[in-house]
Amino acid sequence: MPFIHNIKFYLSSILIFTALFILSACSGDQAPVKGFVLPEGDVAQGQQVFLDFNCHGCHTIPELDLPESEFEPPFILEIGGKVYRVKNYGELLTAVVNPDHIISRKYIAMLEEAERKFVISPMPYYGEEMTVAELIDLVAFLHIQYSKLQPNYYRSHYRVR
């Protein structure tokens, strides 16, 4: 039985890393990749995955009422909200599968302010616990949490002809 479990783990890993590689080439929010398309995720199931894996212990989402978490992190990171650049599907997928891939300057500043040093992200790796279906649903849930702000343009900044 352990042999079968290992095969399933390796096949899941190969699928996830292939997805990440292919999706990293996308430039649009959810631009399809020729020959590789993940199924559409279930947003409600994704919210349940967010809660089941205790993501709300370290992350908040604007205008979303989440239950209290028993875990007390040094600080809370906000996910979603109104932003000028919406994270695309590939970026969100990468952030969940490989939290050490990119650590933002904002996060590093928060670590320094909390007088903590991490060479890597303290976000747990869920590659062996989260199913591919849960991952797809979670990313669908996270993706809809972002809304794109439009910059304000004033007439005085442009010549009117």
N, C-alpha and C. Protein backbone atom coordinates (compact mmCIF):
# COMPACT_ATOMS: atom_id res chain seq x y z
N MET A 1 0.81 -1.20 0.00
CA MET A 1 0.00 0.00 0.00
C MET A 1 0.86 1.27 0.00
N PRO A 2 2.00 1.34 0.75
CA PRO A 2 2.82 2.55 0.69
C PRO A 2 3.32 2.84 -0.72
N PHE A 3 3.56 1.78 -1.50
CA PHE A 3 4.03 1.96 -2.87
C PHE A 3 2.99 2.70 -3.70
N ILE A 4 1.72 2.32 -3.57
CA ILE A 4 0.63 2.97 -4.31
C ILE A 4 0.50 4.43 -3.88
N HIS A 5 0.62 4.68 -2.58
CA HIS A 5 0.55 6.05 -2.05
C HIS A 5 1.67 6.90 -2.66
N ASN A 6 2.87 6.34 -2.74
CA ASN A 6 4.00 7.07 -3.32
C ASN A 6 3.77 7.38 -4.79
N ILE A 7 3.21 6.44 -5.52
CA ILE A 7 2.93 6.66 -6.93
C ILE A 7 1.91 7.79 -7.08
N LYS A 8 0.84 7.76 -6.26
CA LYS A 8 -0.17 8.82 -6.32
C LYS A 8 0.45 10.17 -5.99
N PHE A 9 1.32 10.20 -4.98
CA PHE A 9 1.97 11.45 -4.60
C PHE A 9 2.83 11.98 -5.74
N TYR A 10 3.63 11.13 -6.36
CA TYR A 10 4.49 11.56 -7.45
C TYR A 10 3.69 12.01 -8.66
N LEU A 11 2.61 11.29 -8.99
CA LEU A 11 1.78 11.70 -10.11
C LEU A 11 1.11 13.04 -9.83
N SER A 12 0.62 13.24 -8.61
CA SER A 12 0.02 14.53 -8.24
C SER A 12 1.06 15.64 -8.32
N SER A 13 2.26 15.35 -7.84
CA SER A 13 3.33 16.35 -7.87
C SER A 13 3.67 16.73 -9.30
N ILE A 14 3.77 15.74 -10.17
CA ILE A 14 4.09 15.99 -11.57
C ILE A 14 3.00 16.84 -12.21
N LEU A 15 1.72 16.53 -11.92
CA LEU A 15 0.61 17.31 -12.46
C LEU A 15 0.68 18.75 -11.98
N ILE A 16 0.91 18.97 -10.72
CA ILE A 16 0.96 20.31 -10.16
C ILE A 16 2.12 21.10 -10.73
N PHE A 17 3.31 20.51 -10.77
CA PHE A 17 4.46 21.23 -11.29
C PHE A 17 4.34 21.50 -12.78
N THR A 18 3.73 20.59 -13.52
CA THR A 18 3.49 20.83 -14.94
C THR A 18 2.52 22.00 -15.10
N ALA A 19 1.48 22.01 -14.27
CA ALA A 19 0.51 23.11 -14.31
C ALA A 19 1.19 24.43 -14.01
N LEU A 20 2.04 24.45 -13.00
CA LEU A 20 2.74 25.68 -12.65
C LEU A 20 3.64 26.15 -13.77
N PHE A 21 4.36 25.23 -14.37
CA PHE A 21 5.26 25.59 -15.46
C PHE A 21 4.49 26.18 -16.63
N ILE A 22 3.43 25.53 -17.01
CA ILE A 22 2.65 25.99 -18.15
C ILE A 22 1.93 27.30 -17.82
N LEU A 23 1.35 27.39 -16.63
CA LEU A 23 0.61 28.60 -16.26
C LEU A 23 1.52 29.80 -16.04
N SER A 24 2.78 29.56 -15.73
CA SER A 24 3.69 30.69 -15.51
C SER A 24 3.92 31.47 -16.80
N ALA A 25 3.63 30.87 -17.93
CA ALA A 25 3.80 31.55 -19.21
C ALA A 25 2.60 32.44 -19.54
N CYS A 26 1.52 32.32 -18.79
CA CYS A 26 0.32 33.12 -19.05
C CYS A 26 0.55 34.56 -18.67
N SER A 27 0.00 35.46 -19.46
CA SER A 27 0.12 36.87 -19.11
C SER A 27 -1.22 37.45 -18.72
N GLY A 28 -2.33 36.81 -19.08
CA GLY A 28 -3.65 37.31 -18.74
C GLY A 28 -4.09 36.80 -17.38
N ASP A 29 -5.26 37.28 -16.95
CA ASP A 29 -5.77 36.85 -15.65
C ASP A 29 -6.01 35.35 -15.63
N GLN A 30 -6.67 34.83 -16.64
CA GLN A 30 -6.91 33.40 -16.73
C GLN A 30 -6.78 32.95 -18.18
N ALA A 31 -5.76 33.44 -18.85
CA ALA A 31 -5.57 33.08 -20.25
C ALA A 31 -5.35 31.59 -20.36
N PRO A 32 -6.09 30.93 -21.24
CA PRO A 32 -5.92 29.49 -21.39
C PRO A 32 -4.58 29.15 -22.03
N VAL A 33 -4.07 28.00 -21.69
CA VAL A 33 -2.82 27.52 -22.26
C VAL A 33 -3.17 26.40 -23.22
N LYS A 34 -2.69 26.48 -24.43
CA LYS A 34 -3.03 25.47 -25.43
C LYS A 34 -2.62 24.09 -24.95
N GLY A 35 -3.58 23.18 -24.94
CA GLY A 35 -3.30 21.80 -24.59
C GLY A 35 -3.34 21.49 -23.11
N PHE A 36 -3.50 22.50 -22.27
CA PHE A 36 -3.55 22.25 -20.83
C PHE A 36 -4.55 23.19 -20.19
N VAL A 37 -5.61 22.64 -19.67
CA VAL A 37 -6.62 23.45 -19.01
C VAL A 37 -7.06 22.72 -17.75
N LEU A 38 -6.97 23.42 -16.63
CA LEU A 38 -7.48 22.85 -15.39
C LEU A 38 -8.99 23.02 -15.36
N PRO A 39 -9.68 22.13 -14.67
CA PRO A 39 -11.13 22.30 -14.56
C PRO A 39 -11.46 23.57 -13.79
N GLU A 40 -12.64 24.08 -14.01
CA GLU A 40 -13.07 25.27 -13.28
C GLU A 40 -13.30 24.89 -11.82
N GLY A 41 -12.78 25.70 -10.93
CA GLY A 41 -12.91 25.41 -9.51
C GLY A 41 -14.26 25.84 -8.95
N ASP A 42 -14.62 25.27 -7.83
CA ASP A 42 -15.84 25.59 -7.11
C ASP A 42 -15.49 26.59 -6.01
N VAL A 43 -15.97 27.82 -6.14
CA VAL A 43 -15.62 28.89 -5.21
C VAL A 43 -16.06 28.57 -3.78
N ALA A 44 -17.26 28.04 -3.61
CA ALA A 44 -17.75 27.70 -2.27
C ALA A 44 -16.88 26.62 -1.64
N GLN A 45 -16.51 25.62 -2.43
CA GLN A 45 -15.62 24.57 -1.92
C GLN A 45 -14.25 25.15 -1.60
N GLY A 46 -13.81 26.12 -2.42
CA GLY A 46 -12.53 26.78 -2.17
C GLY A 46 -12.51 27.53 -0.85
N GLN A 47 -13.62 28.17 -0.52
CA GLN A 47 -13.70 28.85 0.78
C GLN A 47 -13.61 27.84 1.92
N GLN A 48 -14.23 26.68 1.73
CA GLN A 48 -14.16 25.64 2.75
C GLN A 48 -12.73 25.11 2.89
N VAL A 49 -12.02 24.97 1.78
CA VAL A 49 -10.61 24.56 1.81
C VAL A 49 -9.80 25.60 2.58
N PHE A 50 -10.06 26.88 2.31
CA PHE A 50 -9.39 27.99 3.00
C PHE A 50 -9.55 27.85 4.51
N LEU A 51 -10.75 27.49 4.95
CA LEU A 51 -11.02 27.31 6.38
C LEU A 51 -10.43 25.99 6.89
N ASP A 52 -10.61 24.91 6.14
CA ASP A 52 -10.12 23.59 6.58
C ASP A 52 -8.61 23.56 6.79
N PHE A 53 -7.88 24.28 5.95
CA PHE A 53 -6.43 24.30 6.07
C PHE A 53 -5.95 25.47 6.93
N ASN A 54 -6.88 26.11 7.60
CA ASN A 54 -6.61 27.19 8.57
C ASN A 54 -5.84 28.36 7.94
N CYS A 55 -6.12 28.63 6.68
CA CYS A 55 -5.48 29.77 6.01
C CYS A 55 -5.87 31.08 6.68
N HIS A 56 -7.09 31.10 7.23
CA HIS A 56 -7.58 32.32 7.90
C HIS A 56 -6.84 32.59 9.22
N GLY A 57 -5.96 31.68 9.62
CA GLY A 57 -5.13 31.92 10.80
C GLY A 57 -4.07 32.97 10.54
N CYS A 58 -3.65 33.11 9.28
CA CYS A 58 -2.60 34.08 8.92
C CYS A 58 -3.07 35.09 7.87
N HIS A 59 -4.21 34.84 7.24
CA HIS A 59 -4.68 35.70 6.16
C HIS A 59 -6.09 36.20 6.41
N THR A 60 -6.33 37.45 6.04
CA THR A 60 -7.68 38.01 6.05
C THR A 60 -8.06 38.35 4.62
N ILE A 61 -9.35 38.45 4.40
CA ILE A 61 -9.87 38.85 3.11
C ILE A 61 -10.84 39.99 3.36
N PRO A 62 -10.60 41.15 2.72
CA PRO A 62 -11.48 42.29 2.95
C PRO A 62 -12.95 41.95 2.69
N GLU A 63 -13.80 42.48 3.53
CA GLU A 63 -15.25 42.33 3.41
C GLU A 63 -15.72 40.88 3.47
N LEU A 64 -14.93 40.00 4.04
CA LEU A 64 -15.35 38.61 4.21
C LEU A 64 -15.22 38.27 5.68
N ASP A 65 -16.32 37.89 6.27
CA ASP A 65 -16.34 37.57 7.69
C ASP A 65 -15.91 36.11 7.87
N LEU A 66 -14.72 35.92 8.43
CA LEU A 66 -14.19 34.58 8.65
C LEU A 66 -14.20 34.25 10.13
N PRO A 67 -14.34 32.99 10.49
CA PRO A 67 -14.34 32.63 11.91
C PRO A 67 -12.98 32.87 12.56
N GLU A 68 -12.99 32.95 13.88
CA GLU A 68 -11.75 33.12 14.63
C GLU A 68 -10.88 31.87 14.46
N SER A 69 -9.58 32.08 14.54
CA SER A 69 -8.63 30.97 14.45
C SER A 69 -7.90 30.85 15.78
N GLU A 70 -7.56 29.64 16.15
CA GLU A 70 -6.83 29.43 17.39
C GLU A 70 -5.35 29.81 17.25
N PHE A 71 -4.86 29.82 16.03
CA PHE A 71 -3.47 30.13 15.76
C PHE A 71 -3.26 31.64 15.84
N GLU A 72 -2.19 32.08 16.49
CA GLU A 72 -1.88 33.50 16.59
C GLU A 72 -0.54 33.79 15.91
N PRO A 73 -0.59 34.26 14.67
CA PRO A 73 0.65 34.57 13.95
C PRO A 73 1.21 35.90 14.41
N PRO A 74 2.46 36.21 14.05
CA PRO A 74 3.04 37.50 14.43
C PRO A 74 2.34 38.67 13.75
N PHE A 75 1.72 38.44 12.60
CA PHE A 75 0.96 39.45 11.88
C PHE A 75 0.05 38.75 10.89
N ILE A 76 -0.91 39.49 10.39
CA ILE A 76 -1.88 38.96 9.44
C ILE A 76 -1.61 39.56 8.06
N LEU A 77 -1.66 38.72 7.04
CA LEU A 77 -1.50 39.18 5.66
C LEU A 77 -2.86 39.22 4.99
N GLU A 78 -3.14 40.32 4.33
CA GLU A 78 -4.40 40.46 3.63
C GLU A 78 -4.30 39.87 2.24
N ILE A 79 -5.32 39.13 1.85
CA ILE A 79 -5.43 38.55 0.51
C ILE A 79 -6.61 39.22 -0.17
N GLY A 80 -6.43 39.56 -1.43
CA GLY A 80 -7.54 40.12 -2.19
C GLY A 80 -7.73 41.59 -1.95
N GLY A 81 -8.94 42.05 -2.24
CA GLY A 81 -9.26 43.45 -2.08
C GLY A 81 -9.13 44.19 -3.40
N LYS A 82 -9.15 45.50 -3.30
CA LYS A 82 -9.06 46.35 -4.48
C LYS A 82 -7.59 46.66 -4.74
N VAL A 83 -7.11 46.22 -5.89
CA VAL A 83 -5.70 46.36 -6.24
C VAL A 83 -5.58 46.87 -7.67
N TYR A 84 -4.43 47.46 -8.00
CA TYR A 84 -4.19 47.92 -9.37
C TYR A 84 -3.80 46.79 -10.29
N ARG A 85 -3.24 45.73 -9.73
CA ARG A 85 -2.84 44.57 -10.54
C ARG A 85 -3.37 43.31 -9.86
N VAL A 86 -4.30 42.66 -10.52
CA VAL A 86 -4.90 41.45 -9.98
C VAL A 86 -3.95 40.29 -10.19
N LYS A 87 -3.74 39.49 -9.14
CA LYS A 87 -2.90 38.31 -9.30
C LYS A 87 -3.60 37.33 -10.23
N ASN A 88 -2.84 36.82 -11.19
CA ASN A 88 -3.47 35.89 -12.12
C ASN A 88 -3.51 34.49 -11.50
N TYR A 89 -4.22 33.62 -12.19
CA TYR A 89 -4.45 32.26 -11.71
C TYR A 89 -3.12 31.53 -11.45
N GLY A 90 -2.17 31.69 -12.35
CA GLY A 90 -0.87 31.02 -12.21
C GLY A 90 -0.11 31.50 -10.99
N GLU A 91 -0.17 32.80 -10.72
CA GLU A 91 0.52 33.35 -9.54
C GLU A 91 -0.09 32.83 -8.24
N LEU A 92 -1.42 32.75 -8.21
CA LEU A 92 -2.09 32.24 -7.01
C LEU A 92 -1.78 30.76 -6.80
N LEU A 93 -1.81 30.02 -7.89
CA LEU A 93 -1.50 28.59 -7.82
C LEU A 93 -0.07 28.38 -7.32
N THR A 94 0.87 29.16 -7.83
CA THR A 94 2.26 29.07 -7.40
C THR A 94 2.41 29.43 -5.93
N ALA A 95 1.71 30.47 -5.49
CA ALA A 95 1.81 30.91 -4.10
C ALA A 95 1.34 29.83 -3.13
N VAL A 96 0.35 29.05 -3.53
CA VAL A 96 -0.15 27.98 -2.65
C VAL A 96 0.78 26.77 -2.70
N VAL A 97 1.17 26.37 -3.89
CA VAL A 97 1.98 25.17 -4.05
C VAL A 97 3.42 25.38 -3.60
N ASN A 98 3.96 26.57 -3.86
CA ASN A 98 5.35 26.85 -3.52
C ASN A 98 5.45 28.22 -2.84
N PRO A 99 5.12 28.29 -1.56
CA PRO A 99 5.09 29.59 -0.88
C PRO A 99 6.43 30.30 -0.82
N ASP A 100 7.52 29.59 -1.02
CA ASP A 100 8.85 30.20 -0.98
C ASP A 100 9.26 30.80 -2.32
N HIS A 101 8.43 30.63 -3.35
CA HIS A 101 8.80 31.08 -4.69
C HIS A 101 9.11 32.57 -4.73
N ILE A 102 8.21 33.38 -4.25
CA ILE A 102 8.43 34.83 -4.19
C ILE A 102 7.92 35.32 -2.84
N ILE A 103 8.77 36.04 -2.15
CA ILE A 103 8.38 36.64 -0.88
C ILE A 103 8.39 38.15 -1.11
N SER A 104 7.22 38.78 -0.96
CA SER A 104 7.07 40.20 -1.30
C SER A 104 7.87 41.10 -0.35
N ARG A 105 8.18 42.29 -0.86
CA ARG A 105 8.88 43.29 -0.03
C ARG A 105 8.04 43.67 1.17
N LYS A 106 6.74 43.78 0.96
CA LYS A 106 5.82 44.12 2.06
C LYS A 106 5.92 43.08 3.17
N TYR A 107 5.95 41.81 2.78
CA TYR A 107 6.04 40.72 3.75
C TYR A 107 7.39 40.75 4.48
N ILE A 108 8.47 41.00 3.76
CA ILE A 108 9.80 41.08 4.39
C ILE A 108 9.83 42.23 5.39
N ALA A 109 9.23 43.37 5.03
CA ALA A 109 9.17 44.51 5.95
C ALA A 109 8.37 44.16 7.20
N MET A 110 7.30 43.41 7.03
CA MET A 110 6.49 43.00 8.18
C MET A 110 7.28 42.04 9.08
N LEU A 111 8.06 41.17 8.46
CA LEU A 111 8.91 40.26 9.25
C LEU A 111 9.92 41.05 10.07
N GLU A 112 10.55 42.03 9.43
CA GLU A 112 11.54 42.85 10.13
C GLU A 112 10.91 43.63 11.27
N GLU A 113 9.70 44.17 11.01
CA GLU A 113 9.00 44.92 12.05
C GLU A 113 8.64 44.03 13.24
N ALA A 114 8.32 42.78 12.97
CA ALA A 114 8.00 41.83 14.03
C ALA A 114 9.26 41.21 14.63
N GLU A 115 10.43 41.70 14.16
CA GLU A 115 11.73 41.20 14.62
C GLU A 115 11.86 39.69 14.45
N ARG A 116 11.42 39.23 13.29
CA ARG A 116 11.54 37.81 12.95
C ARG A 116 12.30 37.70 11.64
N LYS A 117 13.07 36.66 11.53
CA LYS A 117 13.80 36.42 10.30
C LYS A 117 13.49 35.02 9.81
N PHE A 118 13.01 34.94 8.60
CA PHE A 118 12.76 33.66 7.95
C PHE A 118 13.52 33.68 6.64
N VAL A 119 14.26 32.67 6.38
CA VAL A 119 14.92 32.56 5.09
C VAL A 119 13.87 32.15 4.06
N ILE A 120 12.88 31.42 4.54
CA ILE A 120 11.79 30.97 3.69
C ILE A 120 10.48 31.42 4.32
N SER A 121 9.43 31.27 3.57
CA SER A 121 8.10 31.65 4.06
C SER A 121 7.69 30.70 5.20
N PRO A 122 7.05 31.24 6.24
CA PRO A 122 6.56 30.36 7.30
C PRO A 122 5.27 29.64 6.90
N MET A 123 4.75 29.94 5.71
CA MET A 123 3.54 29.26 5.25
C MET A 123 3.84 27.78 5.06
N PRO A 124 3.00 26.92 5.64
CA PRO A 124 3.24 25.48 5.51
C PRO A 124 3.11 24.99 4.07
N TYR A 125 3.81 23.94 3.78
CA TYR A 125 3.71 23.27 2.49
C TYR A 125 2.63 22.21 2.59
N TYR A 126 1.62 22.30 1.73
CA TYR A 126 0.49 21.37 1.79
C TYR A 126 0.49 20.38 0.64
N GLY A 127 1.59 20.23 -0.06
CA GLY A 127 1.66 19.37 -1.23
C GLY A 127 1.28 17.92 -0.98
N GLU A 128 1.49 17.44 0.21
CA GLU A 128 1.17 16.04 0.50
C GLU A 128 -0.19 15.89 1.15
N GLU A 129 -0.80 17.00 1.54
CA GLU A 129 -2.09 16.94 2.24
C GLU A 129 -3.26 17.41 1.39
N MET A 130 -3.02 18.38 0.52
CA MET A 130 -4.09 18.98 -0.27
C MET A 130 -4.24 18.22 -1.59
N THR A 131 -5.46 17.89 -1.92
CA THR A 131 -5.70 17.21 -3.20
C THR A 131 -5.67 18.23 -4.34
N VAL A 132 -5.55 17.74 -5.54
CA VAL A 132 -5.55 18.62 -6.70
C VAL A 132 -6.90 19.34 -6.79
N ALA A 133 -8.00 18.64 -6.53
CA ALA A 133 -9.33 19.27 -6.56
C ALA A 133 -9.42 20.39 -5.53
N GLU A 134 -8.89 20.16 -4.33
CA GLU A 134 -8.91 21.20 -3.30
C GLU A 134 -8.07 22.40 -3.74
N LEU A 135 -6.94 22.14 -4.34
CA LEU A 135 -6.07 23.21 -4.83
C LEU A 135 -6.79 24.05 -5.90
N ILE A 136 -7.43 23.40 -6.84
CA ILE A 136 -8.16 24.11 -7.89
C ILE A 136 -9.28 24.96 -7.30
N ASP A 137 -10.03 24.39 -6.35
CA ASP A 137 -11.12 25.13 -5.71
C ASP A 137 -10.58 26.31 -4.90
N LEU A 138 -9.50 26.10 -4.17
CA LEU A 138 -8.92 27.17 -3.36
C LEU A 138 -8.47 28.33 -4.25
N VAL A 139 -7.80 28.04 -5.35
CA VAL A 139 -7.33 29.09 -6.24
C VAL A 139 -8.51 29.83 -6.87
N ALA A 140 -9.58 29.12 -7.21
CA ALA A 140 -10.79 29.78 -7.74
C ALA A 140 -11.36 30.74 -6.70
N PHE A 141 -11.40 30.31 -5.45
CA PHE A 141 -11.89 31.17 -4.36
C PHE A 141 -10.99 32.39 -4.18
N LEU A 142 -9.68 32.18 -4.17
CA LEU A 142 -8.76 33.29 -3.97
C LEU A 142 -8.82 34.29 -5.13
N HIS A 143 -8.94 33.78 -6.35
CA HIS A 143 -8.92 34.64 -7.53
C HIS A 143 -10.08 35.64 -7.52
N ILE A 144 -11.27 35.23 -7.10
CA ILE A 144 -12.40 36.16 -7.12
C ILE A 144 -12.34 37.18 -5.98
N GLN A 145 -11.39 37.04 -5.07
CA GLN A 145 -11.29 37.99 -3.96
C GLN A 145 -10.65 39.31 -4.38
N TYR A 146 -10.07 39.35 -5.56
CA TYR A 146 -9.40 40.55 -6.05
C TYR A 146 -10.32 41.32 -6.98
N SER A 147 -10.32 42.62 -6.86
CA SER A 147 -11.00 43.47 -7.83
C SER A 147 -10.02 44.55 -8.26
N LYS A 148 -10.04 44.82 -9.55
CA LYS A 148 -9.05 45.74 -10.12
C LYS A 148 -9.52 47.19 -9.99
N LEU A 149 -8.65 48.00 -9.43
CA LEU A 149 -8.89 49.44 -9.35
C LEU A 149 -8.47 50.08 -10.66
N GLN A 150 -9.20 51.06 -11.08
CA GLN A 150 -8.81 51.83 -12.24
C GLN A 150 -8.16 53.12 -11.76
N PRO A 151 -7.01 53.48 -12.32
CA PRO A 151 -6.36 54.72 -11.89
C PRO A 151 -7.23 55.92 -12.21
N ASN A 152 -7.13 56.95 -11.38
CA ASN A 152 -7.87 58.19 -11.61
C ASN A 152 -7.09 59.07 -12.57
N TYR A 153 -7.73 59.48 -13.62
CA TYR A 153 -7.12 60.39 -14.56
C TYR A 153 -7.84 61.72 -14.46
N TYR A 154 -7.08 62.77 -14.43
CA TYR A 154 -7.64 64.11 -14.35
C TYR A 154 -7.35 64.85 -15.64
N ARG A 155 -8.24 65.73 -16.04
CA ARG A 155 -8.06 66.48 -17.27
C ARG A 155 -6.76 67.28 -17.28
N SER A 156 -6.35 67.75 -16.13
CA SER A 156 -5.15 68.58 -16.09
C SER A 156 -3.88 67.80 -16.46
N HIS A 157 -3.94 66.51 -16.46
CA HIS A 157 -2.76 65.70 -16.78
C HIS A 157 -2.61 65.47 -18.28
N TYR A 158 -3.64 65.77 -19.03
CA TYR A 158 -3.60 65.48 -20.47
C TYR A 158 -4.01 66.73 -21.24
N ARG A 159 -3.42 66.87 -22.39
CA ARG A 159 -3.83 67.97 -23.26
C ARG A 159 -5.14 67.61 -23.95
N VAL A 160 -6.03 68.52 -23.94
CA VAL A 160 -7.28 68.31 -24.66
C VAL A 160 -7.17 69.06 -25.97
N ARG A 161 -7.32 68.35 -27.07
CA ARG A 161 -7.17 68.99 -28.39
C ARG A 161 -8.49 69.32 -28.98
